[in-house]
Amino acid sequence: MSKKIALYPGSFNPFHEGHLNIYNKACKVFDEVYIGSYKHIRDFDPNGLIERHHDKVIYFNSTLPAFVDKLSRNGIEISAIVRGLRNGSDLQYEENMLYWYEDLGLKIPVVYFICDRGLSHISSSAIRELNKIKK
């Protein structure tokens, strides 16, 4: 039986507790979960939340379907894409992204995890705004 490997892509700017919550949920379902970041995640991980999983962080600068194909050519068969949801607005956004990914050739399922209630108010953009105020 082959391993079920998932890819959790995002900009993660910054990586925060909500992202880690989704990652941990995905790890309970899949044999392996890679975090696919568009930028060096260490630059956006001020609290070191991802540091213990650094061996599962991979970087890319292409479309998601092209990246999944590249991983496949390099022997990493991604079974599913992981995405996190906080609310209905996230669901609407993710639905549009799913159609876009499909139009670009994504042929694997996208699996959605709902974050824990206590983390649903956290967003990277809100954290960036708070950091601007603190400076």
Foldseek 3Di string as FASTA:
>chain_A
DDFAEEEEEDQPQAPDPQNVQQVVVVVVVGVYYAYEHQDDRVVRHVPCPCVVVVVRYDYDNDDPQVVCVVVVVVPDHHQEYEDEDLDPVVVVVVVVVVVVVVVVPDDHYYDYDYGDNVCSVDDSVVVVVVVVVVD
